[in-house]
């Protein structure tokens, strides 16, 4: 991930199993898992810059 880019915590369900991933865009979930992944929630990850 690039420095300063927005990051999101995505909760997905794939094959009846819940997973939590940190991504920069929801497109990356669709690219990895295809349409079989059901996106449950998307929350912006607010990290503090040090």
Protein backbone atom coordinates (compact mmCIF):
# COMPACT_ATOMS: atom_id res chain seq x y z
CA UNK A 1 0.00 0.00 0.00
CA UNK A 2 1.10 3.51 -0.72
CA UNK A 3 1.89 5.91 2.08
CA UNK A 4 -1.05 8.20 2.78
CA UNK A 5 -3.60 6.11 0.86
CA UNK A 6 -6.97 5.40 2.46
CA UNK A 7 -7.28 1.98 3.98
CA UNK A 8 -10.47 0.05 4.70
CA UNK A 9 -11.25 -2.88 6.98
CA UNK A 10 -13.60 -5.17 5.04
CA UNK A 11 -15.54 -8.03 6.61
CA UNK A 12 -16.46 -10.66 4.00
CA UNK A 13 -18.10 -14.05 3.95
CA UNK A 14 -16.63 -16.68 1.62
CA UNK A 15 -17.89 -20.24 1.63
CA UNK A 16 -19.75 -19.76 4.93
CA UNK A 17 -16.60 -18.45 6.65
CA UNK A 18 -16.23 -14.84 7.87
CA UNK A 19 -12.93 -13.09 7.20
CA UNK A 20 -11.57 -9.60 7.90
CA UNK A 21 -9.17 -8.01 5.42
CA UNK A 22 -7.37 -4.68 5.22
CA UNK A 23 -7.58 -3.26 1.68
CA UNK A 24 -7.30 0.02 -0.23
CA UNK A 25 -10.41 -0.64 -2.38
CA UNK A 26 -13.34 -3.07 -2.48
CA UNK A 27 -12.29 -3.95 -6.03
CA UNK A 28 -9.38 -5.93 -4.60
CA UNK A 29 -11.81 -8.24 -2.77
CA UNK A 30 -13.79 -8.84 -5.97
CA UNK A 31 -10.54 -9.44 -7.86
CA UNK A 32 -9.34 -12.00 -5.32
CA UNK A 33 -12.56 -13.86 -4.51
CA UNK A 34 -14.88 -13.01 -7.41
CA UNK A 35 -18.63 -12.78 -7.02
CA UNK A 36 -18.76 -15.64 -4.50
CA UNK A 37 -17.61 -13.24 -1.75
CA UNK A 38 -20.38 -11.46 0.15
CA UNK A 39 -19.19 -8.12 1.61
CA UNK A 40 -20.71 -7.69 5.07
CA UNK A 41 -19.19 -4.37 6.18
CA UNK A 42 -16.67 -1.73 5.11
CA UNK A 43 -15.09 0.57 7.70
CA UNK A 44 -12.45 3.22 7.05
CA UNK A 45 -9.27 2.46 8.99
CA UNK A 46 -8.12 5.68 10.61
CA UNK A 47 -4.43 5.27 11.30
CA UNK A 48 -2.47 8.08 12.84
CA UNK A 49 0.56 9.28 10.90
CA UNK A 50 3.67 9.29 13.04
